[in-house]
Amino acid sequence: MINNEKKTKFLKAKEVAEEFFDGKIGYIKVLKLTKEGVLPAKRIGKIYFYTLDALNDWAEKNMGTPAWKKLTK
């Protein structure tokens, strides 16, 4: 039997900074935004995990807002 379901990719904060934001936002800023509830993540122990789908949904909703422009400075 073949599983055709899409496998969810989980990222850690450093990967979000490097891969999702292409290094435009640093690791510490990603953690700060996560702790403030700005970025979608789940905390397991001391580590935050992010899904690419949730980050893409977040970006789609927030990219055009003035708040997004403040994040990239």
C-alpha atoms as a PDB file:
ATOM      1  CA  MET A   1       0.000   0.000   0.000  1.00  0.00           C
ATOM      2  CA  ILE A   2       1.335   3.431  -0.983  1.00  0.00           C
ATOM      3  CA  ASN A   3       0.740   6.447   1.244  1.00  0.00           C
ATOM      4  CA  ASN A   4      -0.127   9.407  -0.998  1.00  0.00           C
ATOM      5  CA  GLU A   5      -0.568  11.872   1.857  1.00  0.00           C
ATOM      6  CA  LYS A   6       1.806  14.828   2.046  1.00  0.00           C
ATOM      7  CA  LYS A   7       4.317  14.540   4.874  1.00  0.00           C
ATOM      8  CA  THR A   8       4.466  17.596   7.130  1.00  0.00           C
ATOM      9  CA  LYS A   9       7.902  19.172   7.442  1.00  0.00           C
ATOM     10  CA  PHE A  10       8.791  20.579  10.840  1.00  0.00           C
ATOM     11  CA  LEU A  11      11.309  23.376  11.218  1.00  0.00           C
ATOM     12  CA  LYS A  12      13.145  24.708  14.253  1.00  0.00           C
ATOM     13  CA  ALA A  13      13.595  28.450  14.863  1.00  0.00           C
ATOM     14  CA  LYS A  14      17.065  28.571  13.290  1.00  0.00           C
ATOM     15  CA  GLU A  15      15.750  26.863  10.146  1.00  0.00           C
ATOM     16  CA  VAL A  16      12.828  29.314   9.986  1.00  0.00           C
ATOM     17  CA  ALA A  17      15.274  32.228  10.116  1.00  0.00           C
ATOM     18  CA  GLU A  18      17.601  30.752   7.488  1.00  0.00           C
ATOM     19  CA  GLU A  19      15.195  28.970   5.132  1.00  0.00           C
ATOM     20  CA  PHE A  20      11.789  30.654   5.428  1.00  0.00           C
ATOM     21  CA  PHE A  21      13.010  34.225   5.923  1.00  0.00           C
ATOM     22  CA  ASP A  22      16.178  33.711   3.824  1.00  0.00           C
ATOM     23  CA  GLY A  23      18.322  35.151   6.614  1.00  0.00           C
ATOM     24  CA  LYS A  24      16.490  38.507   6.565  1.00  0.00           C
ATOM     25  CA  ILE A  25      15.283  37.879  10.113  1.00  0.00           C
ATOM     26  CA  GLY A  26      17.676  36.393  12.634  1.00  0.00           C
ATOM     27  CA  TYR A  27      17.174  33.399  14.880  1.00  0.00           C
ATOM     28  CA  ILE A  28      16.710  35.518  18.024  1.00  0.00           C
ATOM     29  CA  LYS A  29      14.046  37.646  16.274  1.00  0.00           C
ATOM     30  CA  VAL A  30      12.187  34.475  15.212  1.00  0.00           C
ATOM     31  CA  LEU A  31      12.154  33.286  18.828  1.00  0.00           C
ATOM     32  CA  LYS A  32      10.998  36.707  20.054  1.00  0.00           C
ATOM     33  CA  LEU A  33       8.139  36.818  17.529  1.00  0.00           C
ATOM     34  CA  THR A  34       7.162  33.280  18.464  1.00  0.00           C
ATOM     35  CA  LYS A  35       7.089  34.041  22.193  1.00  0.00           C
ATOM     36  CA  GLU A  36       4.970  37.144  21.467  1.00  0.00           C
ATOM     37  CA  GLY A  37       2.493  34.954  19.564  1.00  0.00           C
ATOM     38  CA  VAL A  38       3.186  36.579  16.197  1.00  0.00           C
ATOM     39  CA  LEU A  39       4.555  33.466  14.471  1.00  0.00           C
ATOM     40  CA  PRO A  40       2.646  30.156  14.571  1.00  0.00           C
ATOM     41  CA  ALA A  41       4.535  27.422  16.426  1.00  0.00           C
ATOM     42  CA  LYS A  42       4.161  24.609  18.939  1.00  0.00           C
ATOM     43  CA  ARG A  43       6.488  24.298  21.884  1.00  0.00           C
ATOM     44  CA  ILE A  44       7.629  20.850  22.905  1.00  0.00           C
ATOM     45  CA  GLY A  45       9.888  21.021  25.919  1.00  0.00           C
ATOM     46  CA  LYS A  46      12.263  23.902  25.276  1.00  0.00           C
ATOM     47  CA  ILE A  47      12.056  23.729  21.481  1.00  0.00           C
ATOM     48  CA  TYR A  48       9.612  25.511  19.181  1.00  0.00           C
ATOM     49  CA  PHE A  49       8.500  23.635  16.080  1.00  0.00           C
ATOM     50  CA  TYR A  50       7.036  25.318  13.011  1.00  0.00           C
ATOM     51  CA  THR A  51       5.306  23.872   9.965  1.00  0.00           C
ATOM     52  CA  LEU A  52       5.907  25.291   6.536  1.00  0.00           C
ATOM     53  CA  ASP A  53       2.153  25.267   5.834  1.00  0.00           C
ATOM     54  CA  ALA A  54       1.398  27.367   8.935  1.00  0.00           C
ATOM     55  CA  LEU A  55       4.215  29.804   8.110  1.00  0.00           C
ATOM     56  CA  ASN A  56       3.013  30.173   4.524  1.00  0.00           C
ATOM     57  CA  ASP A  57      -0.548  30.831   5.746  1.00  0.00           C
ATOM     58  CA  TRP A  58       0.794  33.402   8.211  1.00  0.00           C
ATOM     59  CA  ALA A  59       2.855  35.124   5.497  1.00  0.00           C
ATOM     60  CA  GLU A  60      -0.089  35.206   3.089  1.00  0.00           C
ATOM     61  CA  LYS A  61      -2.227  36.964   5.707  1.00  0.00           C
ATOM     62  CA  ASN A  62       0.481  39.344   6.944  1.00  0.00           C
ATOM     63  CA  MET A  63       2.855  40.163   4.083  1.00  0.00           C
ATOM     64  CA  GLY A  64       0.971  43.250   2.924  1.00  0.00           C
ATOM     65  CA  THR A  65       0.461  44.778   6.357  1.00  0.00           C
ATOM     66  CA  PRO A  66       2.618  47.575   7.786  1.00  0.00           C
ATOM     67  CA  ALA A  67       3.550  45.228  10.647  1.00  0.00           C
ATOM     68  CA  TRP A  68       5.326  42.926   8.185  1.00  0.00           C
ATOM     69  CA  LYS A  69       7.481  45.802   6.960  1.00  0.00           C
ATOM     70  CA  LYS A  70       8.595  46.451  10.543  1.00  0.00           C
ATOM     71  CA  LEU A  71       9.701  42.801  10.938  1.00  0.00           C
ATOM     72  CA  THR A  72      12.155  42.911   8.053  1.00  0.00           C
ATOM     73  CA  LYS A  73      14.023  46.016   9.230  1.00  0.00           C
END
